[in-house]
Amino acid sequence: AKTLMEKLSDKELSEVLIGLGFENDNILGYVFINSLIAMNETAELHSIACGILSSGLCHLNGGYQGALFHARRALELDPNN
C-alpha cells in the first residue's frame, strides 16, 4: 500500500483516505496515515490525519479531539504554512 500511495499527490492521498472513512466507515485510512507519520513525520501527513478524523470519521468518539491534536502538530512542524 505504501508503494502505491507514494505515487499519489498529497491531495489525492488525502481524498482516498478520507473517502475510506466516508464510504466504508473504516478507520484503516487513519491507521495507515499514522504508520506513515511514524516513518516520516511531516506537517502534511498530520494535516491529512486531521482531515480524516474531522471529516470521514468525525462521528467517532474522540474524532474531533484527535483532529485537533494533528492540526496542532502540523502547525508545530510547519508554523509558516
PDB file of N, CA and C in Angstrom:
ATOM      1  N   ALA A   1       0.826  -1.189   0.000  1.00  0.00           N
ATOM      2  CA  ALA A   1       0.000   0.000   0.000  1.00  0.00           C
ATOM      3  C   ALA A   1       0.871   1.253   0.000  1.00  0.00           C
ATOM      4  N   LYS A   2       1.960   1.227   0.768  1.00  0.00           N
ATOM      5  CA  LYS A   2       2.829   2.401   0.847  1.00  0.00           C
ATOM      6  C   LYS A   2       3.405   2.737  -0.521  1.00  0.00           C
ATOM      7  N   THR A   3       3.825   1.735  -1.274  1.00  0.00           N
ATOM      8  CA  THR A   3       4.390   1.962  -2.600  1.00  0.00           C
ATOM      9  C   THR A   3       3.365   2.588  -3.532  1.00  0.00           C
ATOM     10  N   LEU A   4       2.138   2.102  -3.487  1.00  0.00           N
ATOM     11  CA  LEU A   4       1.078   2.671  -4.321  1.00  0.00           C
ATOM     12  C   LEU A   4       0.775   4.107  -3.918  1.00  0.00           C
ATOM     13  N   MET A   5       0.719   4.374  -2.639  1.00  0.00           N
ATOM     14  CA  MET A   5       0.375   5.704  -2.154  1.00  0.00           C
ATOM     15  C   MET A   5       1.470   6.726  -2.440  1.00  0.00           C
ATOM     16  N   GLU A   6       2.724   6.276  -2.543  1.00  0.00           N
ATOM     17  CA  GLU A   6       3.821   7.198  -2.839  1.00  0.00           C
ATOM     18  C   GLU A   6       3.680   7.816  -4.221  1.00  0.00           C
ATOM     19  N   LYS A   7       2.920   7.186  -5.094  1.00  0.00           N
ATOM     20  CA  LYS A   7       2.710   7.691  -6.449  1.00  0.00           C
ATOM     21  C   LYS A   7       1.630   8.766  -6.505  1.00  0.00           C
ATOM     22  N   LEU A   8       0.893   8.945  -5.412  1.00  0.00           N
ATOM     23  CA  LEU A   8      -0.187   9.923  -5.365  1.00  0.00           C
ATOM     24  C   LEU A   8       0.311  11.260  -4.822  1.00  0.00           C
ATOM     25  N   SER A   9      -0.319  12.333  -5.257  1.00  0.00           N
ATOM     26  CA  SER A   9      -0.040  13.637  -4.650  1.00  0.00           C
ATOM     27  C   SER A   9      -0.644  13.647  -3.248  1.00  0.00           C
ATOM     28  N   ASP A  10      -0.250  14.633  -2.454  1.00  0.00           N
ATOM     29  CA  ASP A  10      -0.815  14.737  -1.102  1.00  0.00           C
ATOM     30  C   ASP A  10      -2.330  14.905  -1.157  1.00  0.00           C
ATOM     31  N   LYS A  11      -2.809  15.677  -2.125  1.00  0.00           N
ATOM     32  CA  LYS A  11      -4.258  15.885  -2.254  1.00  0.00           C
ATOM     33  C   LYS A  11      -4.965  14.578  -2.604  1.00  0.00           C
ATOM     34  N   GLU A  12      -4.395  13.822  -3.548  1.00  0.00           N
ATOM     35  CA  GLU A  12      -5.002  12.541  -3.935  1.00  0.00           C
ATOM     36  C   GLU A  12      -4.994  11.561  -2.769  1.00  0.00           C
ATOM     37  N   LEU A  13      -3.880  11.509  -2.040  1.00  0.00           N
ATOM     38  CA  LEU A  13      -3.783  10.626  -0.876  1.00  0.00           C
ATOM     39  C   LEU A  13      -4.844  10.990   0.154  1.00  0.00           C
ATOM     40  N   SER A  14      -4.990  12.274   0.407  1.00  0.00           N
ATOM     41  CA  SER A  14      -5.998  12.739   1.352  1.00  0.00           C
ATOM     42  C   SER A  14      -7.398  12.322   0.917  1.00  0.00           C
ATOM     43  N   GLU A  15      -7.719  12.504  -0.354  1.00  0.00           N
ATOM     44  CA  GLU A  15      -9.046  12.151  -0.865  1.00  0.00           C
ATOM     45  C   GLU A  15      -9.326  10.658  -0.723  1.00  0.00           C
ATOM     46  N   VAL A  16      -8.333   9.831  -1.023  1.00  0.00           N
ATOM     47  CA  VAL A  16      -8.509   8.379  -0.921  1.00  0.00           C
ATOM     48  C   VAL A  16      -8.760   7.971   0.527  1.00  0.00           C
ATOM     49  N   LEU A  17      -7.941   8.469   1.435  1.00  0.00           N
ATOM     50  CA  LEU A  17      -8.043   8.050   2.833  1.00  0.00           C
ATOM     51  C   LEU A  17      -9.284   8.615   3.525  1.00  0.00           C
ATOM     52  N   ILE A  18      -9.643   9.853   3.229  1.00  0.00           N
ATOM     53  CA  ILE A  18     -10.884  10.407   3.785  1.00  0.00           C
ATOM     54  C   ILE A  18     -12.075   9.651   3.218  1.00  0.00           C
ATOM     55  N   GLY A  19     -11.998   9.282   1.945  1.00  0.00           N
ATOM     56  CA  GLY A  19     -13.075   8.519   1.311  1.00  0.00           C
ATOM     57  C   GLY A  19     -13.331   7.190   1.993  1.00  0.00           C
ATOM     58  N   LEU A  20     -12.274   6.548   2.488  1.00  0.00           N
ATOM     59  CA  LEU A  20     -12.462   5.286   3.214  1.00  0.00           C
ATOM     60  C   LEU A  20     -13.364   5.482   4.424  1.00  0.00           C
ATOM     61  N   GLY A  21     -13.157   6.577   5.122  1.00  0.00           N
ATOM     62  CA  GLY A  21     -13.979   6.858   6.295  1.00  0.00           C
ATOM     63  C   GLY A  21     -15.420   7.146   5.925  1.00  0.00           C
ATOM     64  N   PHE A  22     -15.616   7.959   4.896  1.00  0.00           N
ATOM     65  CA  PHE A  22     -16.976   8.319   4.478  1.00  0.00           C
ATOM     66  C   PHE A  22     -17.730   7.135   3.882  1.00  0.00           C
ATOM     67  N   GLU A  23     -17.108   6.472   2.926  1.00  0.00           N
ATOM     68  CA  GLU A  23     -17.802   5.450   2.147  1.00  0.00           C
ATOM     69  C   GLU A  23     -17.926   4.117   2.862  1.00  0.00           C
ATOM     70  N   ASN A  24     -16.938   3.774   3.657  1.00  0.00           N
ATOM     71  CA  ASN A  24     -16.916   2.444   4.258  1.00  0.00           C
ATOM     72  C   ASN A  24     -16.963   2.462   5.780  1.00  0.00           C
ATOM     73  N   ASP A  25     -17.009   3.661   6.369  1.00  0.00           N
ATOM     74  CA  ASP A  25     -16.974   3.769   7.824  1.00  0.00           C
ATOM     75  C   ASP A  25     -15.793   2.971   8.380  1.00  0.00           C
ATOM     76  N   ASN A  26     -14.621   3.176   7.755  1.00  0.00           N
ATOM     77  CA  ASN A  26     -13.450   2.359   8.011  1.00  0.00           C
ATOM     78  C   ASN A  26     -12.316   3.222   8.556  1.00  0.00           C
ATOM     79  N   ILE A  27     -11.670   2.773   9.630  1.00  0.00           N
ATOM     80  CA  ILE A  27     -10.571   3.537  10.223  1.00  0.00           C
ATOM     81  C   ILE A  27      -9.201   3.176   9.636  1.00  0.00           C
ATOM     82  N   LEU A  28      -9.138   2.270   8.683  1.00  0.00           N
ATOM     83  CA  LEU A  28      -7.842   1.845   8.159  1.00  0.00           C
ATOM     84  C   LEU A  28      -7.064   2.980   7.500  1.00  0.00           C
ATOM     85  N   GLY A  29      -7.751   3.928   6.893  1.00  0.00           N
ATOM     86  CA  GLY A  29      -7.056   5.081   6.320  1.00  0.00           C
ATOM     87  C   GLY A  29      -6.315   5.865   7.388  1.00  0.00           C
ATOM     88  N   TYR A  30      -6.953   6.023   8.541  1.00  0.00           N
ATOM     89  CA  TYR A  30      -6.319   6.728   9.653  1.00  0.00           C
ATOM     90  C   TYR A  30      -5.141   5.922  10.210  1.00  0.00           C
ATOM     91  N   VAL A  31      -5.312   4.632  10.317  1.00  0.00           N
ATOM     92  CA  VAL A  31      -4.220   3.770  10.785  1.00  0.00           C
ATOM     93  C   VAL A  31      -3.039   3.858   9.820  1.00  0.00           C
ATOM     94  N   PHE A  32      -3.328   3.832   8.522  1.00  0.00           N
ATOM     95  CA  PHE A  32      -2.276   3.899   7.506  1.00  0.00           C
ATOM     96  C   PHE A  32      -1.521   5.225   7.581  1.00  0.00           C
ATOM     97  N   ILE A  33      -2.240   6.336   7.674  1.00  0.00           N
ATOM     98  CA  ILE A  33      -1.558   7.635   7.716  1.00  0.00           C
ATOM     99  C   ILE A  33      -0.701   7.744   8.972  1.00  0.00           C
ATOM    100  N   ASN A  34      -1.137   7.145  10.068  1.00  0.00           N
ATOM    101  CA  ASN A  34      -0.314   7.152  11.279  1.00  0.00           C
ATOM    102  C   ASN A  34       0.951   6.329  11.103  1.00  0.00           C
ATOM    103  N   SER A  35       0.887   5.259  10.327  1.00  0.00           N
ATOM    104  CA  SER A  35       2.108   4.486  10.065  1.00  0.00           C
ATOM    105  C   SER A  35       3.077   5.314   9.226  1.00  0.00           C
ATOM    106  N   LEU A  36       2.554   6.108   8.288  1.00  0.00           N
ATOM    107  CA  LEU A  36       3.423   6.993   7.503  1.00  0.00           C
ATOM    108  C   LEU A  36       4.029   8.078   8.389  1.00  0.00           C
ATOM    109  N   ILE A  37       3.239   8.611   9.316  1.00  0.00           N
ATOM    110  CA  ILE A  37       3.747   9.616  10.255  1.00  0.00           C
ATOM    111  C   ILE A  37       4.865   9.021  11.110  1.00  0.00           C
ATOM    112  N   ALA A  38       4.706   7.787  11.541  1.00  0.00           N
ATOM    113  CA  ALA A  38       5.732   7.137  12.365  1.00  0.00           C
ATOM    114  C   ALA A  38       7.040   6.972  11.592  1.00  0.00           C
ATOM    115  N   MET A  39       6.949   6.759  10.283  1.00  0.00           N
ATOM    116  CA  MET A  39       8.148   6.579   9.461  1.00  0.00           C
ATOM    117  C   MET A  39       8.798   7.907   9.085  1.00  0.00           C
ATOM    118  N   ASN A  40       7.977   8.938   8.844  1.00  0.00           N
ATOM    119  CA  ASN A  40       8.495  10.228   8.390  1.00  0.00           C
ATOM    120  C   ASN A  40       7.483  11.315   8.735  1.00  0.00           C
ATOM    121  N   GLU A  41       7.602  11.842   9.941  1.00  0.00           N
ATOM    122  CA  GLU A  41       6.622  12.825  10.414  1.00  0.00           C
ATOM    123  C   GLU A  41       6.744  14.135   9.648  1.00  0.00           C
ATOM    124  N   THR A  42       5.648  14.560   9.026  1.00  0.00           N
ATOM    125  CA  THR A  42       5.603  15.842   8.330  1.00  0.00           C
ATOM    126  C   THR A  42       4.302  16.559   8.670  1.00  0.00           C
ATOM    127  N   ALA A  43       4.315  17.863   8.463  1.00  0.00           N
ATOM    128  CA  ALA A  43       3.102  18.648   8.682  1.00  0.00           C
ATOM    129  C   ALA A  43       1.999  18.204   7.736  1.00  0.00           C
ATOM    130  N   GLU A  44       2.350  17.883   6.501  1.00  0.00           N
ATOM    131  CA  GLU A  44       1.339  17.477   5.520  1.00  0.00           C
ATOM    132  C   GLU A  44       0.650  16.181   5.935  1.00  0.00           C
ATOM    133  N   LEU A  45       1.395  15.219   6.432  1.00  0.00           N
ATOM    134  CA  LEU A  45       0.775  13.967   6.879  1.00  0.00           C
ATOM    135  C   LEU A  45      -0.141  14.208   8.076  1.00  0.00           C
ATOM    136  N   HIS A  46       0.271  15.083   8.986  1.00  0.00           N
ATOM    137  CA  HIS A  46      -0.605  15.412  10.114  1.00  0.00           C
ATOM    138  C   HIS A  46      -1.860  16.127   9.620  1.00  0.00           C
ATOM    139  N   SER A  47      -1.713  16.950   8.609  1.00  0.00           N
ATOM    140  CA  SER A  47      -2.873  17.635   8.037  1.00  0.00           C
ATOM    141  C   SER A  47      -3.857  16.636   7.437  1.00  0.00           C
ATOM    142  N   ILE A  48      -3.331  15.620   6.761  1.00  0.00           N
ATOM    143  CA  ILE A  48      -4.194  14.576   6.194  1.00  0.00           C
ATOM    144  C   ILE A  48      -4.893  13.811   7.319  1.00  0.00           C
ATOM    145  N   ALA A  49      -4.151  13.471   8.373  1.00  0.00           N
ATOM    146  CA  ALA A  49      -4.758  12.769   9.512  1.00  0.00           C
ATOM    147  C   ALA A  49      -5.862  13.615  10.132  1.00  0.00           C
ATOM    148  N   CYS A  50      -5.627  14.908  10.231  1.00  0.00           N
ATOM    149  CA  CYS A  50      -6.645  15.824  10.750  1.00  0.00           C
ATOM    150  C   CYS A  50      -7.891  15.775   9.875  1.00  0.00           C
ATOM    151  N   GLY A  51      -7.703  15.794   8.573  1.00  0.00           N
ATOM    152  CA  GLY A  51      -8.839  15.734   7.651  1.00  0.00           C
ATOM    153  C   GLY A  51      -9.621  14.445   7.758  1.00  0.00           C
ATOM    154  N   ILE A  52      -8.912  13.346   7.925  1.00  0.00           N
ATOM    155  CA  ILE A  52      -9.580  12.048   8.061  1.00  0.00           C
ATOM    156  C   ILE A  52     -10.483  12.048   9.291  1.00  0.00           C
ATOM    157  N   LEU A  53      -9.934  12.520  10.416  1.00  0.00           N
ATOM    158  CA  LEU A  53     -10.703  12.498  11.666  1.00  0.00           C
ATOM    159  C   LEU A  53     -11.814  13.543  11.704  1.00  0.00           C
ATOM    160  N   SER A  54     -11.586  14.691  11.105  1.00  0.00           N
ATOM    161  CA  SER A  54     -12.591  15.756  11.185  1.00  0.00           C
ATOM    162  C   SER A  54     -13.646  15.652  10.094  1.00  0.00           C
ATOM    163  N   SER A  55     -13.424  14.789   9.125  1.00  0.00           N
ATOM    164  CA  SER A  55     -14.398  14.629   8.036  1.00  0.00           C
ATOM    165  C   SER A  55     -15.002  13.232   8.054  1.00  0.00           C
ATOM    166  N   GLY A  56     -14.249  12.289   7.529  1.00  0.00           N
ATOM    167  CA  GLY A  56     -14.778  10.935   7.369  1.00  0.00           C
ATOM    168  C   GLY A  56     -15.071  10.195   8.656  1.00  0.00           C
ATOM    169  N   LEU A  57     -14.343  10.526   9.713  1.00  0.00           N
ATOM    170  CA  LEU A  57     -14.514   9.786  10.972  1.00  0.00           C
ATOM    171  C   LEU A  57     -14.955  10.683  12.122  1.00  0.00           C
ATOM    172  N   CYS A  58     -15.541  11.819  11.802  1.00  0.00           N
ATOM    173  CA  CYS A  58     -15.936  12.768  12.855  1.00  0.00           C
ATOM    174  C   CYS A  58     -17.019  12.214  13.773  1.00  0.00           C
ATOM    175  N   HIS A  59     -17.745  11.208  13.311  1.00  0.00           N
ATOM    176  CA  HIS A  59     -18.821  10.631  14.123  1.00  0.00           C
ATOM    177  C   HIS A  59     -18.303   9.712  15.229  1.00  0.00           C
ATOM    178  N   LEU A  60     -17.021   9.363  15.183  1.00  0.00           N
ATOM    179  CA  LEU A  60     -16.442   8.510  16.220  1.00  0.00           C
ATOM    180  C   LEU A  60     -16.135   9.333  17.466  1.00  0.00           C
ATOM    181  N   ASN A  61     -16.311   8.732  18.629  1.00  0.00           N
ATOM    182  CA  ASN A  61     -15.930   9.407  19.872  1.00  0.00           C
ATOM    183  C   ASN A  61     -14.456   9.777  19.805  1.00  0.00           C
ATOM    184  N   GLY A  62     -14.159  11.024  20.062  1.00  0.00           N
ATOM    185  CA  GLY A  62     -12.775  11.486  20.047  1.00  0.00           C
ATOM    186  C   GLY A  62     -12.279  11.928  18.686  1.00  0.00           C
ATOM    187  N   GLY A  63     -13.110  11.839  17.672  1.00  0.00           N
ATOM    188  CA  GLY A  63     -12.686  12.210  16.319  1.00  0.00           C
ATOM    189  C   GLY A  63     -12.196  13.644  16.226  1.00  0.00           C
ATOM    190  N   TYR A  64     -12.989  14.569  16.734  1.00  0.00           N
ATOM    191  CA  TYR A  64     -12.601  15.977  16.661  1.00  0.00           C
ATOM    192  C   TYR A  64     -11.402  16.285  17.550  1.00  0.00           C
ATOM    193  N   GLN A  65     -11.317  15.650  18.699  1.00  0.00           N
ATOM    194  CA  GLN A  65     -10.174  15.872  19.587  1.00  0.00           C
ATOM    195  C   GLN A  65      -8.885  15.360  18.940  1.00  0.00           C
ATOM    196  N   GLY A  66      -8.970  14.195  18.296  1.00  0.00           N
ATOM    197  CA  GLY A  66      -7.808  13.668  17.585  1.00  0.00           C
ATOM    198  C   GLY A  66      -7.411  14.571  16.431  1.00  0.00           C
ATOM    199  N   ALA A  67      -8.407  15.109  15.728  1.00  0.00           N
ATOM    200  CA  ALA A  67      -8.137  16.025  14.621  1.00  0.00           C
ATOM    201  C   ALA A  67      -7.413  17.272  15.124  1.00  0.00           C
ATOM    202  N   LEU A  68      -7.838  17.779  16.277  1.00  0.00           N
ATOM    203  CA  LEU A  68      -7.192  18.957  16.859  1.00  0.00           C
ATOM    204  C   LEU A  68      -5.732  18.671  17.197  1.00  0.00           C
ATOM    205  N   PHE A  69      -5.448  17.494  17.733  1.00  0.00           N
ATOM    206  CA  PHE A  69      -4.059  17.112  18.014  1.00  0.00           C
ATOM    207  C   PHE A  69      -3.225  17.185  16.741  1.00  0.00           C
ATOM    208  N   HIS A  70      -3.727  16.594  15.649  1.00  0.00           N
ATOM    209  CA  HIS A  70      -2.965  16.574  14.396  1.00  0.00           C
ATOM    210  C   HIS A  70      -2.814  17.978  13.813  1.00  0.00           C
ATOM    211  N   ALA A  71      -3.838  18.815  13.934  1.00  0.00           N
ATOM    212  CA  ALA A  71      -3.742  20.193  13.446  1.00  0.00           C
ATOM    213  C   ALA A  71      -2.662  20.959  14.210  1.00  0.00           C
ATOM    214  N   ARG A  72      -2.646  20.795  15.519  1.00  0.00           N
ATOM    215  CA  ARG A  72      -1.632  21.477  16.335  1.00  0.00           C
ATOM    216  C   ARG A  72      -0.229  20.988  16.005  1.00  0.00           C
ATOM    217  N   ARG A  73      -0.093  19.677  15.808  1.00  0.00           N
ATOM    218  CA  ARG A  73       1.232  19.122  15.486  1.00  0.00           C
ATOM    219  C   ARG A  73       1.699  19.609  14.120  1.00  0.00           C
ATOM    220  N   ALA A  74       0.790  19.693  13.157  1.00  0.00           N
ATOM    221  CA  ALA A  74       1.146  20.209  11.830  1.00  0.00           C
ATOM    222  C   ALA A  74       1.664  21.641  11.947  1.00  0.00           C
ATOM    223  N   LEU A  75       1.008  22.448  12.783  1.00  0.00           N
ATOM    224  CA  LEU A  75       1.454  23.832  12.987  1.00  0.00           C
ATOM    225  C   LEU A  75       2.808  23.903  13.681  1.00  0.00           C
ATOM    226  N   GLU A  76       3.064  22.987  14.602  1.00  0.00           N
ATOM    227  CA  GLU A  76       4.372  22.949  15.262  1.00  0.00           C
ATOM    228  C   GLU A  76       5.472  22.623  14.258  1.00  0.00           C
ATOM    229  N   LEU A  77       5.186  21.691  13.351  1.00  0.00           N
ATOM    230  CA  LEU A  77       6.196  21.255  12.387  1.00  0.00           C
ATOM    231  C   LEU A  77       6.429  22.276  11.279  1.00  0.00           C
ATOM    232  N   ASP A  78       5.378  23.008  10.910  1.00  0.00           N
ATOM    233  CA  ASP A  78       5.485  23.981   9.821  1.00  0.00           C
ATOM    234  C   ASP A  78       4.629  25.204  10.144  1.00  0.00           C
ATOM    235  N   PRO A  79       5.110  26.062  11.047  1.00  0.00           N
ATOM    236  CA  PRO A  79       4.294  27.189  11.504  1.00  0.00           C
ATOM    237  C   PRO A  79       4.008  28.237  10.431  1.00  0.00           C
ATOM    238  N   ASN A  80       4.744  28.229   9.351  1.00  0.00           N
ATOM    239  CA  ASN A  80       4.551  29.224   8.293  1.00  0.00           C
ATOM    240  C   ASN A  80       3.626  28.761   7.181  1.00  0.00           C
ATOM    241  N   ASN A  81       3.045  27.585   7.336  1.00  0.00           N
ATOM    242  CA  ASN A  81       2.166  27.066   6.279  1.00  0.00           C
ATOM    243  C   ASN A  81       0.753  26.954   6.810  1.00  0.00           C
TER     244      ASN A  81
END
